[in-house]
Amino acid sequence: QVQLVESGGGLVQAGGSLRLSCTASGRAFSSYGMGWFRQAPGKEREFVTGLNWSGTKTYYADSMKGRFTISRDNAKNTVYLQMNSLKPEDTAVYYCAAEYFGAGSGWADPYDYWGQGTQVTVSS
């Protein structure tokens, strides 16, 4: 099984930037599609962005497009979420997820593994 560990969250001022990391244990990281989701208090978990297993396709939720960027470094077994121009409404727990040979789509059900999440708080 794959274990995912997120890091890089914290407190940031509105308009600032953060880069989240998700590091996977085990092997065959390059065979997994990766996704980022987030959940704010009182709200359902929502899709942020995803990257397919081959690194040829990305998906972004409309509210994140142009501000957030997903990337991966297979040599480090790590996927990143670069977040720029952060807004208070971006405050949430951010989760990474992995799907074997996955498409990196916005549907949560296909993902096989989930991290524990990292808190991002954006102050106004």
PDB file of N, CA and C in Angstrom:
ATOM      1  N   GLN A   1       0.822  -1.177   0.000  1.00  0.00           N
ATOM      2  CA  GLN A   1       0.000   0.000   0.000  1.00  0.00           C
ATOM      3  C   GLN A   1       0.875   1.253   0.000  1.00  0.00           C
ATOM      4  N   VAL A   2       0.269   2.345  -0.426  1.00  0.00           N
ATOM      5  CA  VAL A   2       0.969   3.612  -0.525  1.00  0.00           C
ATOM      6  C   VAL A   2       0.555   4.504   0.633  1.00  0.00           C
ATOM      7  N   GLN A   3       1.530   5.103   1.278  1.00  0.00           N
ATOM      8  CA  GLN A   3       1.267   6.081   2.314  1.00  0.00           C
ATOM      9  C   GLN A   3       1.616   7.468   1.795  1.00  0.00           C
ATOM     10  N   LEU A   4       0.703   8.404   1.970  1.00  0.00           N
ATOM     11  CA  LEU A   4       0.883   9.767   1.502  1.00  0.00           C
ATOM     12  C   LEU A   4       0.968  10.706   2.691  1.00  0.00           C
ATOM     13  N   VAL A   5       1.940  11.596   2.668  1.00  0.00           N
ATOM     14  CA  VAL A   5       2.130  12.552   3.743  1.00  0.00           C
ATOM     15  C   VAL A   5       2.229  13.951   3.158  1.00  0.00           C
ATOM     16  N   GLU A   6       1.288  14.813   3.540  1.00  0.00           N
ATOM     17  CA  GLU A   6       1.298  16.198   3.089  1.00  0.00           C
ATOM     18  C   GLU A   6       2.116  17.062   4.039  1.00  0.00           C
ATOM     19  N   SER A   7       2.684  18.117   3.500  1.00  0.00           N
ATOM     20  CA  SER A   7       3.404  19.091   4.304  1.00  0.00           C
ATOM     21  C   SER A   7       3.373  20.437   3.596  1.00  0.00           C
ATOM     22  N   GLY A   8       3.764  21.474   4.308  1.00  0.00           N
ATOM     23  CA  GLY A   8       3.863  22.797   3.719  1.00  0.00           C
ATOM     24  C   GLY A   8       2.744  23.741   4.065  1.00  0.00           C
ATOM     25  N   GLY A   9       1.731  23.267   4.770  1.00  0.00           N
ATOM     26  CA  GLY A   9       0.647  24.140   5.162  1.00  0.00           C
ATOM     27  C   GLY A   9       1.067  25.093   6.259  1.00  0.00           C
ATOM     28  N   GLY A  10       0.212  26.063   6.518  1.00  0.00           N
ATOM     29  CA  GLY A  10       0.499  27.035   7.548  1.00  0.00           C
ATOM     30  C   GLY A  10      -0.367  28.257   7.412  1.00  0.00           C
ATOM     31  N   LEU A  11       0.032  29.311   8.087  1.00  0.00           N
ATOM     32  CA  LEU A  11      -0.682  30.579   8.073  1.00  0.00           C
ATOM     33  C   LEU A  11      -0.009  31.525   7.096  1.00  0.00           C
ATOM     34  N   VAL A  12      -0.801  32.127   6.228  1.00  0.00           N
ATOM     35  CA  VAL A  12      -0.271  33.052   5.243  1.00  0.00           C
ATOM     36  C   VAL A  12      -1.243  34.215   5.075  1.00  0.00           C
ATOM     37  N   GLN A  13      -0.708  35.373   4.760  1.00  0.00           N
ATOM     38  CA  GLN A  13      -1.533  36.547   4.532  1.00  0.00           C
ATOM     39  C   GLN A  13      -2.180  36.486   3.154  1.00  0.00           C
ATOM     40  N   ALA A  14      -3.362  37.057   3.044  1.00  0.00           N
ATOM     41  CA  ALA A  14      -4.027  37.112   1.751  1.00  0.00           C
ATOM     42  C   ALA A  14      -3.114  37.730   0.703  1.00  0.00           C
ATOM     43  N   GLY A  15      -3.100  37.108  -0.466  1.00  0.00           N
ATOM     44  CA  GLY A  15      -2.218  37.535  -1.535  1.00  0.00           C
ATOM     45  C   GLY A  15      -0.883  36.828  -1.551  1.00  0.00           C
ATOM     46  N   GLY A  16      -0.593  36.090  -0.504  1.00  0.00           N
ATOM     47  CA  GLY A  16       0.658  35.380  -0.410  1.00  0.00           C
ATOM     48  C   GLY A  16       0.626  34.042  -1.111  1.00  0.00           C
ATOM     49  N   SER A  17       1.709  33.288  -0.937  1.00  0.00           N
ATOM     50  CA  SER A  17       1.872  32.011  -1.613  1.00  0.00           C
ATOM     51  C   SER A  17       2.329  30.934  -0.653  1.00  0.00           C
ATOM     52  N   LEU A  18       1.980  29.709  -0.983  1.00  0.00           N
ATOM     53  CA  LEU A  18       2.450  28.530  -0.284  1.00  0.00           C
ATOM     54  C   LEU A  18       2.679  27.426  -1.298  1.00  0.00           C
ATOM     55  N   ARG A  19       3.589  26.531  -0.989  1.00  0.00           N
ATOM     56  CA  ARG A  19       3.750  25.328  -1.781  1.00  0.00           C
ATOM     57  C   ARG A  19       3.585  24.117  -0.884  1.00  0.00           C
ATOM     58  N   LEU A  20       2.581  23.325  -1.196  1.00  0.00           N
ATOM     59  CA  LEU A  20       2.338  22.099  -0.469  1.00  0.00           C
ATOM     60  C   LEU A  20       3.063  20.944  -1.145  1.00  0.00           C
ATOM     61  N   SER A  21       3.495  19.992  -0.341  1.00  0.00           N
ATOM     62  CA  SER A  21       4.143  18.801  -0.854  1.00  0.00           C
ATOM     63  C   SER A  21       3.403  17.569  -0.375  1.00  0.00           C
ATOM     64  N   CYS A  22       3.392  16.559  -1.197  1.00  0.00           N
ATOM     65  CA  CYS A  22       2.828  15.268  -0.840  1.00  0.00           C
ATOM     66  C   CYS A  22       3.837  14.216  -1.242  1.00  0.00           C
ATOM     67  N   THR A  23       4.388  13.539  -0.258  1.00  0.00           N
ATOM     68  CA  THR A  23       5.413  12.537  -0.496  1.00  0.00           C
ATOM     69  C   THR A  23       4.837  11.148  -0.276  1.00  0.00           C
ATOM     70  N   ALA A  24       5.103  10.271  -1.211  1.00  0.00           N
ATOM     71  CA  ALA A  24       4.558   8.917  -1.174  1.00  0.00           C
ATOM     72  C   ALA A  24       5.621   7.911  -0.778  1.00  0.00           C
ATOM     73  N   SER A  25       5.219   6.971   0.038  1.00  0.00           N
ATOM     74  CA  SER A  25       6.080   5.842   0.362  1.00  0.00           C
ATOM     75  C   SER A  25       5.885   4.756  -0.673  1.00  0.00           C
ATOM     76  N   GLY A  26       6.727   3.749  -0.631  1.00  0.00           N
ATOM     77  CA  GLY A  26       6.595   2.645  -1.552  1.00  0.00           C
ATOM     78  C   GLY A  26       7.188   2.935  -2.917  1.00  0.00           C
ATOM     79  N   ARG A  27       6.875   2.068  -3.832  1.00  0.00           N
ATOM     80  CA  ARG A  27       7.410   2.160  -5.178  1.00  0.00           C
ATOM     81  C   ARG A  27       6.320   2.447  -6.190  1.00  0.00           C
ATOM     82  N   ALA A  28       6.742   2.595  -7.416  1.00  0.00           N
ATOM     83  CA  ALA A  28       5.844   2.814  -8.549  1.00  0.00           C
ATOM     84  C   ALA A  28       5.055   4.116  -8.441  1.00  0.00           C
ATOM     85  N   PHE A  29       5.652   5.129  -7.827  1.00  0.00           N
ATOM     86  CA  PHE A  29       4.986   6.418  -7.728  1.00  0.00           C
ATOM     87  C   PHE A  29       4.628   6.969  -9.101  1.00  0.00           C
ATOM     88  N   SER A  30       5.492   6.729 -10.072  1.00  0.00           N
ATOM     89  CA  SER A  30       5.251   7.252 -11.406  1.00  0.00           C
ATOM     90  C   SER A  30       4.043   6.626 -12.084  1.00  0.00           C
ATOM     91  N   SER A  31       3.504   5.564 -11.515  1.00  0.00           N
ATOM     92  CA  SER A  31       2.334   4.895 -12.078  1.00  0.00           C
ATOM     93  C   SER A  31       1.022   5.408 -11.494  1.00  0.00           C
ATOM     94  N   TYR A  32       1.086   6.404 -10.629  1.00  0.00           N
ATOM     95  CA  TYR A  32      -0.102   6.909  -9.961  1.00  0.00           C
ATOM     96  C   TYR A  32      -0.498   8.274 -10.473  1.00  0.00           C
ATOM     97  N   GLY A  33      -1.778   8.398 -10.774  1.00  0.00           N
ATOM     98  CA  GLY A  33      -2.338   9.714 -10.954  1.00  0.00           C
ATOM     99  C   GLY A  33      -2.512  10.360  -9.587  1.00  0.00           C
ATOM    100  N   MET A  34      -2.321  11.652  -9.516  1.00  0.00           N
ATOM    101  CA  MET A  34      -2.352  12.358  -8.242  1.00  0.00           C
ATOM    102  C   MET A  34      -3.367  13.489  -8.274  1.00  0.00           C
ATOM    103  N   GLY A  35      -3.990  13.704  -7.151  1.00  0.00           N
ATOM    104  CA  GLY A  35      -4.946  14.784  -7.038  1.00  0.00           C
ATOM    105  C   GLY A  35      -4.812  15.519  -5.720  1.00  0.00           C
ATOM    106  N   TRP A  36      -5.250  16.755  -5.726  1.00  0.00           N
ATOM    107  CA  TRP A  36      -5.358  17.562  -4.520  1.00  0.00           C
ATOM    108  C   TRP A  36      -6.824  17.927  -4.302  1.00  0.00           C
ATOM    109  N   PHE A  37      -7.261  17.764  -3.074  1.00  0.00           N
ATOM    110  CA  PHE A  37      -8.595  18.144  -2.650  1.00  0.00           C
ATOM    111  C   PHE A  37      -8.487  19.022  -1.412  1.00  0.00           C
ATOM    112  N   ARG A  38      -9.567  19.703  -1.088  1.00  0.00           N
ATOM    113  CA  ARG A  38      -9.569  20.498   0.133  1.00  0.00           C
ATOM    114  C   ARG A  38     -10.945  20.456   0.781  1.00  0.00           C
ATOM    115  N   GLN A  39     -10.953  20.701   2.083  1.00  0.00           N
ATOM    116  CA  GLN A  39     -12.201  20.723   2.825  1.00  0.00           C
ATOM    117  C   GLN A  39     -12.139  21.808   3.886  1.00  0.00           C
ATOM    118  N   ALA A  40     -13.068  22.734   3.811  1.00  0.00           N
ATOM    119  CA  ALA A  40     -13.193  23.791   4.790  1.00  0.00           C
ATOM    120  C   ALA A  40     -14.238  23.400   5.831  1.00  0.00           C
ATOM    121  N   PRO A  41     -14.176  23.972   7.034  1.00  0.00           N
ATOM    122  CA  PRO A  41     -15.164  23.648   8.061  1.00  0.00           C
ATOM    123  C   PRO A  41     -16.585  23.886   7.575  1.00  0.00           C
ATOM    124  N   GLY A  42     -17.437  22.896   7.785  1.00  0.00           N
ATOM    125  CA  GLY A  42     -18.823  23.015   7.393  1.00  0.00           C
ATOM    126  C   GLY A  42     -19.099  22.820   5.925  1.00  0.00           C
ATOM    127  N   LYS A  43     -18.085  22.505   5.143  1.00  0.00           N
ATOM    128  CA  LYS A  43     -18.254  22.317   3.714  1.00  0.00           C
ATOM    129  C   LYS A  43     -17.786  20.932   3.297  1.00  0.00           C
ATOM    130  N   GLU A  44     -18.270  20.490   2.146  1.00  0.00           N
ATOM    131  CA  GLU A  44     -17.857  19.204   1.614  1.00  0.00           C
ATOM    132  C   GLU A  44     -16.483  19.305   0.975  1.00  0.00           C
ATOM    133  N   ARG A  45     -15.821  18.175   0.907  1.00  0.00           N
ATOM    134  CA  ARG A  45     -14.530  18.122   0.259  1.00  0.00           C
ATOM    135  C   ARG A  45     -14.687  18.444  -1.222  1.00  0.00           C
ATOM    136  N   GLU A  46     -13.789  19.261  -1.746  1.00  0.00           N
ATOM    137  CA  GLU A  46     -13.868  19.655  -3.135  1.00  0.00           C
ATOM    138  C   GLU A  46     -12.539  19.427  -3.846  1.00  0.00           C
ATOM    139  N   PHE A  47     -12.647  19.237  -5.129  1.00  0.00           N
ATOM    140  CA  PHE A  47     -11.482  19.022  -5.965  1.00  0.00           C
ATOM    141  C   PHE A  47     -10.735  20.322  -6.188  1.00  0.00           C
ATOM    142  N   VAL A  48      -9.418  20.245  -6.145  1.00  0.00           N
ATOM    143  CA  VAL A  48      -8.564  21.398  -6.402  1.00  0.00           C
ATOM    144  C   VAL A  48      -7.882  21.253  -7.760  1.00  0.00           C
ATOM    145  N   THR A  49      -7.096  20.204  -7.902  1.00  0.00           N
ATOM    146  CA  THR A  49      -6.362  19.979  -9.141  1.00  0.00           C
ATOM    147  C   THR A  49      -5.875  18.537  -9.181  1.00  0.00           C
ATOM    148  N   GLY A  50      -5.578  18.053 -10.384  1.00  0.00           N
ATOM    149  CA  GLY A  50      -5.083  16.701 -10.538  1.00  0.00           C
ATOM    150  C   GLY A  50      -4.135  16.583 -11.708  1.00  0.00           C
ATOM    151  N   LEU A  51      -3.325  15.532 -11.679  1.00  0.00           N
ATOM    152  CA  LEU A  51      -2.331  15.248 -12.701  1.00  0.00           C
ATOM    153  C   LEU A  51      -2.360  13.759 -12.984  1.00  0.00           C
ATOM    154  N   ASN A  52      -2.480  13.383 -14.250  1.00  0.00           N
ATOM    155  CA  ASN A  52      -2.556  11.974 -14.565  1.00  0.00           C
ATOM    156  C   ASN A  52      -1.209  11.281 -14.378  1.00  0.00           C
ATOM    157  N   TRP A  53      -1.241   9.957 -14.426  1.00  0.00           N
ATOM    158  CA  TRP A  53      -0.055   9.177 -14.058  1.00  0.00           C
ATOM    159  C   TRP A  53       1.133   9.422 -14.976  1.00  0.00           C
ATOM    160  N   SER A  54       0.865   9.714 -16.235  1.00  0.00           N
ATOM    161  CA  SER A  54       1.945   9.918 -17.190  1.00  0.00           C
ATOM    162  C   SER A  54       2.434  11.360 -17.245  1.00  0.00           C
ATOM    163  N   GLY A  55       1.778  12.248 -16.513  1.00  0.00           N
ATOM    164  CA  GLY A  55       2.186  13.637 -16.494  1.00  0.00           C
ATOM    165  C   GLY A  55       1.819  14.422 -17.726  1.00  0.00           C
ATOM    166  N   THR A  56       0.858  13.935 -18.486  1.00  0.00           N
ATOM    167  CA  THR A  56       0.490  14.574 -19.743  1.00  0.00           C
ATOM    168  C   THR A  56      -0.810  15.366 -19.672  1.00  0.00           C
ATOM    169  N   LYS A  57      -1.512  15.293 -18.560  1.00  0.00           N
ATOM    170  CA  LYS A  57      -2.810  15.954 -18.460  1.00  0.00           C
ATOM    171  C   LYS A  57      -3.010  16.493 -17.060  1.00  0.00           C
ATOM    172  N   THR A  58      -3.484  17.724 -16.982  1.00  0.00           N
ATOM    173  CA  THR A  58      -3.822  18.331 -15.704  1.00  0.00           C
ATOM    174  C   THR A  58      -5.264  18.810 -15.713  1.00  0.00           C
ATOM    175  N   TYR A  59      -5.835  18.900 -14.530  1.00  0.00           N
ATOM    176  CA  TYR A  59      -7.186  19.397 -14.349  1.00  0.00           C
ATOM    177  C   TYR A  59      -7.175  20.401 -13.201  1.00  0.00           C
ATOM    178  N   TYR A  60      -7.976  21.447 -13.345  1.00  0.00           N
ATOM    179  CA  TYR A  60      -8.090  22.460 -12.308  1.00  0.00           C
ATOM    180  C   TYR A  60      -9.541  22.848 -12.110  1.00  0.00           C
ATOM    181  N   ALA A  61      -9.925  23.002 -10.858  1.00  0.00           N
ATOM    182  CA  ALA A  61     -11.210  23.609 -10.573  1.00  0.00           C
ATOM    183  C   ALA A  61     -11.166  25.070 -11.007  1.00  0.00           C
ATOM    184  N   ASP A  62     -12.309  25.584 -11.443  1.00  0.00           N
ATOM    185  CA  ASP A  62     -12.347  26.933 -11.995  1.00  0.00           C
ATOM    186  C   ASP A  62     -11.826  27.987 -11.028  1.00  0.00           C
ATOM    187  N   SER A  63     -12.139  27.842  -9.758  1.00  0.00           N
ATOM    188  CA  SER A  63     -11.734  28.842  -8.784  1.00  0.00           C
ATOM    189  C   SER A  63     -10.234  28.844  -8.511  1.00  0.00           C
ATOM    190  N   MET A  64      -9.547  27.794  -8.893  1.00  0.00           N
ATOM    191  CA  MET A  64      -8.117  27.687  -8.681  1.00  0.00           C
ATOM    192  C   MET A  64      -7.298  27.940  -9.941  1.00  0.00           C
ATOM    193  N   LYS A  65      -7.942  27.861 -11.081  1.00  0.00           N
ATOM    194  CA  LYS A  65      -7.238  28.018 -12.345  1.00  0.00           C
ATOM    195  C   LYS A  65      -6.556  29.377 -12.411  1.00  0.00           C
ATOM    196  N   GLY A  66      -5.279  29.358 -12.760  1.00  0.00           N
ATOM    197  CA  GLY A  66      -4.508  30.581 -12.844  1.00  0.00           C
ATOM    198  C   GLY A  66      -3.810  30.957 -11.565  1.00  0.00           C
ATOM    199  N   ARG A  67      -4.198  30.357 -10.456  1.00  0.00           N
ATOM    200  CA  ARG A  67      -3.571  30.625  -9.165  1.00  0.00           C
ATOM    201  C   ARG A  67      -2.819  29.422  -8.614  1.00  0.00           C
ATOM    202  N   PHE A  68      -3.347  28.232  -8.851  1.00  0.00           N
ATOM    203  CA  PHE A  68      -2.752  27.009  -8.323  1.00  0.00           C
ATOM    204  C   PHE A  68      -2.139  26.198  -9.458  1.00  0.00           C
ATOM    205  N   THR A  69      -1.053  25.511  -9.158  1.00  0.00           N
ATOM    206  CA  THR A  69      -0.381  24.679 -10.143  1.00  0.00           C
ATOM    207  C   THR A  69       0.052  23.373  -9.509  1.00  0.00           C
ATOM    208  N   ILE A  70      -0.255  22.270 -10.172  1.00  0.00           N
ATOM    209  CA  ILE A  70       0.181  20.961  -9.714  1.00  0.00           C
ATOM    210  C   ILE A  70       1.394  20.521 -10.531  1.00  0.00           C
ATOM    211  N   SER A  71       2.317  19.863  -9.875  1.00  0.00           N
ATOM    212  CA  SER A  71       3.482  19.310 -10.550  1.00  0.00           C
ATOM    213  C   SER A  71       3.962  18.095  -9.772  1.00  0.00           C
ATOM    214  N   ARG A  72       4.845  17.320 -10.383  1.00  0.00           N
ATOM    215  CA  ARG A  72       5.360  16.144  -9.695  1.00  0.00           C
ATOM    216  C   ARG A  72       6.828  15.950 -10.005  1.00  0.00           C
ATOM    217  N   ASP A  73       7.514  15.341  -9.059  1.00  0.00           N
ATOM    218  CA  ASP A  73       8.906  14.977  -9.206  1.00  0.00           C
ATOM    219  C   ASP A  73       8.995  13.496  -8.868  1.00  0.00           C
ATOM    220  N   ASN A  74       9.004  12.673  -9.883  1.00  0.00           N
ATOM    221  CA  ASN A  74       8.984  11.229  -9.661  1.00  0.00           C
ATOM    222  C   ASN A  74      10.241  10.733  -8.953  1.00  0.00           C
ATOM    223  N   ALA A  75      11.357  11.402  -9.173  1.00  0.00           N
ATOM    224  CA  ALA A  75      12.593  11.004  -8.511  1.00  0.00           C
ATOM    225  C   ALA A  75      12.501  11.171  -7.001  1.00  0.00           C
ATOM    226  N   LYS A  76      11.658  12.099  -6.553  1.00  0.00           N
ATOM    227  CA  LYS A  76      11.481  12.344  -5.130  1.00  0.00           C
ATOM    228  C   LYS A  76      10.178  11.769  -4.592  1.00  0.00           C
ATOM    229  N   ASN A  77       9.436  11.074  -5.432  1.00  0.00           N
ATOM    230  CA  ASN A  77       8.139  10.523  -5.037  1.00  0.00           C
ATOM    231  C   ASN A  77       7.229  11.599  -4.446  1.00  0.00           C
ATOM    232  N   THR A  78       7.222  12.749  -5.064  1.00  0.00           N
ATOM    233  CA  THR A  78       6.536  13.897  -4.497  1.00  0.00           C
ATOM    234  C   THR A  78       5.698  14.617  -5.546  1.00  0.00           C
ATOM    235  N   VAL A  79       4.521  15.036  -5.134  1.00  0.00           N
ATOM    236  CA  VAL A  79       3.686  15.911  -5.934  1.00  0.00           C
ATOM    237  C   VAL A  79       3.530  17.224  -5.179  1.00  0.00           C
ATOM    238  N   TYR A  80       3.479  18.328  -5.918  1.00  0.00           N
ATOM    239  CA  TYR A  80       3.431  19.648  -5.319  1.00  0.00           C
ATOM    240  C   TYR A  80       2.153  20.373  -5.709  1.00  0.00           C
ATOM    241  N   LEU A  81       1.751  21.266  -4.836  1.00  0.00           N
ATOM    242  CA  LEU A  81       0.681  22.201  -5.139  1.00  0.00           C
ATOM    243  C   LEU A  81       1.194  23.598  -4.840  1.00  0.00           C
ATOM    244  N   GLN A  82       1.492  24.341  -5.882  1.00  0.00           N
ATOM    245  CA  GLN A  82       1.906  25.728  -5.741  1.00  0.00           C
ATOM    246  C   GLN A  82       0.660  26.600  -5.711  1.00  0.00           C
ATOM    247  N   MET A  83       0.505  27.375  -4.655  1.00  0.00           N
ATOM    248  CA  MET A  83      -0.666  28.211  -4.470  1.00  0.00           C
ATOM    249  C   MET A  83      -0.232  29.665  -4.399  1.00  0.00           C
ATOM    250  N   ASN A  84      -0.725  30.458  -5.320  1.00  0.00           N
ATOM    251  CA  ASN A  84      -0.424  31.880  -5.372  1.00  0.00           C
ATOM    252  C   ASN A  84      -1.701  32.693  -5.215  1.00  0.00           C
ATOM    253  N   SER A  85      -1.526  33.963  -4.896  1.00  0.00           N
ATOM    254  CA  SER A  85      -2.654  34.880  -4.740  1.00  0.00           C
ATOM    255  C   SER A  85      -3.723  34.295  -3.826  1.00  0.00           C
ATOM    256  N   LEU A  86      -3.306  33.817  -2.699  1.00  0.00           N
ATOM    257  CA  LEU A  86      -4.222  33.150  -1.787  1.00  0.00           C
ATOM    258  C   LEU A  86      -5.256  34.107  -1.218  1.00  0.00           C
ATOM    259  N   LYS A  87      -6.447  33.575  -1.022  1.00  0.00           N
ATOM    260  CA  LYS A  87      -7.581  34.322  -0.498  1.00  0.00           C
ATOM    261  C   LYS A  87      -8.062  33.672   0.786  1.00  0.00           C
ATOM    262  N   PRO A  88      -8.741  34.422   1.648  1.00  0.00           N
ATOM    263  CA  PRO A  88      -9.271  33.815   2.872  1.00  0.00           C
ATOM    264  C   PRO A  88     -10.158  32.605   2.609  1.00  0.00           C
ATOM    265  N   GLU A  89     -10.890  32.611   1.512  1.00  0.00           N
ATOM    266  CA  GLU A  89     -11.746  31.480   1.199  1.00  0.00           C
ATOM    267  C   GLU A  89     -10.984  30.229   0.787  1.00  0.00           C
ATOM    268  N   ASP A  90      -9.669  30.342   0.620  1.00  0.00           N
ATOM    269  CA  ASP A  90      -8.836  29.177   0.366  1.00  0.00           C
ATOM    270  C   ASP A  90      -8.497  28.426   1.647  1.00  0.00           C
ATOM    271  N   THR A  91      -8.861  28.982   2.784  1.00  0.00           N
ATOM    272  CA  THR A  91      -8.595  28.330   4.058  1.00  0.00           C
ATOM    273  C   THR A  91      -9.300  26.979   4.114  1.00  0.00           C
ATOM    274  N   ALA A  92      -8.530  25.936   4.357  1.00  0.00           N
ATOM    275  CA  ALA A  92      -9.068  24.582   4.370  1.00  0.00           C
ATOM    276  C   ALA A  92      -7.962  23.611   4.740  1.00  0.00           C
ATOM    277  N   VAL A  93      -8.358  22.375   4.969  1.00  0.00           N
ATOM    278  CA  VAL A  93      -7.406  21.283   5.054  1.00  0.00           C
ATOM    279  C   VAL A  93      -7.229  20.733   3.649  1.00  0.00           C
ATOM    280  N   TYR A  94      -6.001  20.641   3.209  1.00  0.00           N
ATOM    281  CA  TYR A  94      -5.696  20.177   1.872  1.00  0.00           C
ATOM    282  C   TYR A  94      -5.185  18.745   1.917  1.00  0.00           C
ATOM    283  N   TYR A  95      -5.746  17.914   1.061  1.00  0.00           N
ATOM    284  CA  TYR A  95      -5.423  16.500   1.010  1.00  0.00           C
ATOM    285  C   TYR A  95      -4.865  16.128  -0.356  1.00  0.00           C
ATOM    286  N   CYS A  96      -3.886  15.255  -0.373  1.00  0.00           N
ATOM    287  CA  CYS A  96      -3.472  14.661  -1.631  1.00  0.00           C
ATOM    288  C   CYS A  96      -4.002  13.244  -1.709  1.00  0.00           C
ATOM    289  N   ALA A  97      -4.146  12.758  -2.924  1.00  0.00           N
ATOM    290  CA  ALA A  97      -4.697  11.441  -3.164  1.00  0.00           C
ATOM    291  C   ALA A  97      -4.004  10.817  -4.366  1.00  0.00           C
ATOM    292  N   ALA A  98      -3.984   9.492  -4.386  1.00  0.00           N
ATOM    293  CA  ALA A  98      -3.308   8.756  -5.447  1.00  0.00           C
ATOM    294  C   ALA A  98      -4.211   7.666  -5.997  1.00  0.00           C
ATOM    295  N   GLU A  99      -4.158   7.485  -7.301  1.00  0.00           N
ATOM    296  CA  GLU A  99      -4.896   6.429  -7.983  1.00  0.00           C
ATOM    297  C   GLU A  99      -3.947   5.708  -8.926  1.00  0.00           C
ATOM    298  N   TYR A 100      -3.878   4.395  -8.803  1.00  0.00           N
ATOM    299  CA  TYR A 100      -2.999   3.607  -9.649  1.00  0.00           C
ATOM    300  C   TYR A 100      -3.403   3.756 -11.105  1.00  0.00           C
ATOM    301  N   PHE A 101      -2.464   4.217 -11.925  1.00  0.00           N
ATOM    302  CA  PHE A 101      -2.708   4.531 -13.330  1.00  0.00           C
ATOM    303  C   PHE A 101      -3.912   5.450 -13.501  1.00  0.00           C
ATOM    304  N   GLY A 102      -4.065   6.356 -12.567  1.00  0.00           N
ATOM    305  CA  GLY A 102      -5.207   7.232 -12.561  1.00  0.00           C
ATOM    306  C   GLY A 102      -5.081   8.405 -13.514  1.00  0.00           C
ATOM    307  N   ALA A 103      -6.226   9.020 -13.769  1.00  0.00           N
ATOM    308  CA  ALA A 103      -6.312  10.131 -14.704  1.00  0.00           C
ATOM    309  C   ALA A 103      -6.102  11.487 -14.045  1.00  0.00           C
ATOM    310  N   GLY A 104      -6.072  11.526 -12.726  1.00  0.00           N
ATOM    311  CA  GLY A 104      -5.969  12.795 -12.028  1.00  0.00           C
ATOM    312  C   GLY A 104      -7.225  13.634 -12.144  1.00  0.00           C
ATOM    313  N   SER A 105      -8.356  12.987 -12.238  1.00  0.00           N
ATOM    314  CA  SER A 105      -9.623  13.672 -12.417  1.00  0.00           C
ATOM    315  C   SER A 105     -10.144  14.235 -11.110  1.00  0.00           C
ATOM    316  N   GLY A 106     -11.244  14.963 -11.215  1.00  0.00           N
ATOM    317  CA  GLY A 106     -11.842  15.579 -10.053  1.00  0.00           C
ATOM    318  C   GLY A 106     -12.771  14.701  -9.253  1.00  0.00           C
ATOM    319  N   TRP A 107     -12.958  13.476  -9.678  1.00  0.00           N
ATOM    320  CA  TRP A 107     -13.816  12.548  -8.949  1.00  0.00           C
ATOM    321  C   TRP A 107     -13.018  11.892  -7.832  1.00  0.00           C
ATOM    322  N   ALA A 108     -13.510  11.970  -6.618  1.00  0.00           N
ATOM    323  CA  ALA A 108     -12.786  11.461  -5.460  1.00  0.00           C
ATOM    324  C   ALA A 108     -12.826   9.945  -5.348  1.00  0.00           C
ATOM    325  N   ASP A 109     -13.924   9.326  -5.746  1.00  0.00           N
ATOM    326  CA  ASP A 109     -14.100   7.893  -5.530  1.00  0.00           C
ATOM    327  C   ASP A 109     -13.015   7.023  -6.146  1.00  0.00           C
ATOM    328  N   PRO A 110     -12.508   7.320  -7.329  1.00  0.00           N
ATOM    329  CA  PRO A 110     -11.496   6.432  -7.923  1.00  0.00           C
ATOM    330  C   PRO A 110     -10.150   6.414  -7.203  1.00  0.00           C
ATOM    331  N   TYR A 111      -9.862   7.392  -6.397  1.00  0.00           N
ATOM    332  CA  TYR A 111      -8.557   7.446  -5.744  1.00  0.00           C
ATOM    333  C   TYR A 111      -8.418   6.337  -4.707  1.00  0.00           C
ATOM    334  N   ASP A 112      -7.271   5.689  -4.723  1.00  0.00           N
ATOM    335  CA  ASP A 112      -7.025   4.531  -3.871  1.00  0.00           C
ATOM    336  C   ASP A 112      -6.467   4.897  -2.508  1.00  0.00           C
ATOM    337  N   TYR A 113      -5.699   5.967  -2.438  1.00  0.00           N
ATOM    338  CA  TYR A 113      -5.013   6.335  -1.211  1.00  0.00           C
ATOM    339  C   TYR A 113      -5.156   7.820  -0.947  1.00  0.00           C
ATOM    340  N   TRP A 114      -5.232   8.155   0.333  1.00  0.00           N
ATOM    341  CA  TRP A 114      -5.388   9.534   0.767  1.00  0.00           C
ATOM    342  C   TRP A 114      -4.415   9.861   1.886  1.00  0.00           C
ATOM    343  N   GLY A 115      -3.913  11.090   1.873  1.00  0.00           N
ATOM    344  CA  GLY A 115      -3.098  11.559   2.973  1.00  0.00           C
ATOM    345  C   GLY A 115      -3.958  12.062   4.114  1.00  0.00           C
ATOM    346  N   GLN A 116      -3.300  12.478   5.190  1.00  0.00           N
ATOM    347  CA  GLN A 116      -4.005  12.951   6.371  1.00  0.00           C
ATOM    348  C   GLN A 116      -4.374  14.425   6.299  1.00  0.00           C
ATOM    349  N   GLY A 117      -3.803  15.140   5.370  1.00  0.00           N
ATOM    350  CA  GLY A 117      -4.138  16.532   5.175  1.00  0.00           C
ATOM    351  C   GLY A 117      -3.177  17.488   5.857  1.00  0.00           C
ATOM    352  N   THR A 118      -3.130  18.694   5.338  1.00  0.00           N
ATOM    353  CA  THR A 118      -2.340  19.766   5.938  1.00  0.00           C
ATOM    354  C   THR A 118      -3.174  21.039   5.933  1.00  0.00           C
ATOM    355  N   GLN A 119      -3.143  21.756   7.041  1.00  0.00           N
ATOM    356  CA  GLN A 119      -3.984  22.934   7.217  1.00  0.00           C
ATOM    357  C   GLN A 119      -3.371  24.148   6.539  1.00  0.00           C
ATOM    358  N   VAL A 120      -4.190  24.831   5.760  1.00  0.00           N
ATOM    359  CA  VAL A 120      -3.822  26.108   5.159  1.00  0.00           C
ATOM    360  C   VAL A 120      -4.790  27.162   5.677  1.00  0.00           C
ATOM    361  N   THR A 121      -4.258  28.200   6.284  1.00  0.00           N
ATOM    362  CA  THR A 121      -5.075  29.285   6.802  1.00  0.00           C
ATOM    363  C   THR A 121      -4.613  30.594   6.178  1.00  0.00           C
ATOM    364  N   VAL A 122      -5.534  31.296   5.556  1.00  0.00           N
ATOM    365  CA  VAL A 122      -5.229  32.552   4.886  1.00  0.00           C
ATOM    366  C   VAL A 122      -5.923  33.676   5.641  1.00  0.00           C
ATOM    367  N   SER A 123      -5.152  34.601   6.149  1.00  0.00           N
ATOM    368  CA  SER A 123      -5.694  35.717   6.906  1.00  0.00           C
ATOM    369  C   SER A 123      -5.975  36.897   5.991  1.00  0.00           C
ATOM    370  N   SER A 124      -6.965  37.687   6.355  1.00  0.00           N
ATOM    371  CA  SER A 124      -7.335  38.849   5.568  1.00  0.00           C
ATOM    372  C   SER A 124      -6.556  40.075   5.993  1.00  0.00           C
TER     373      SER A 124
END
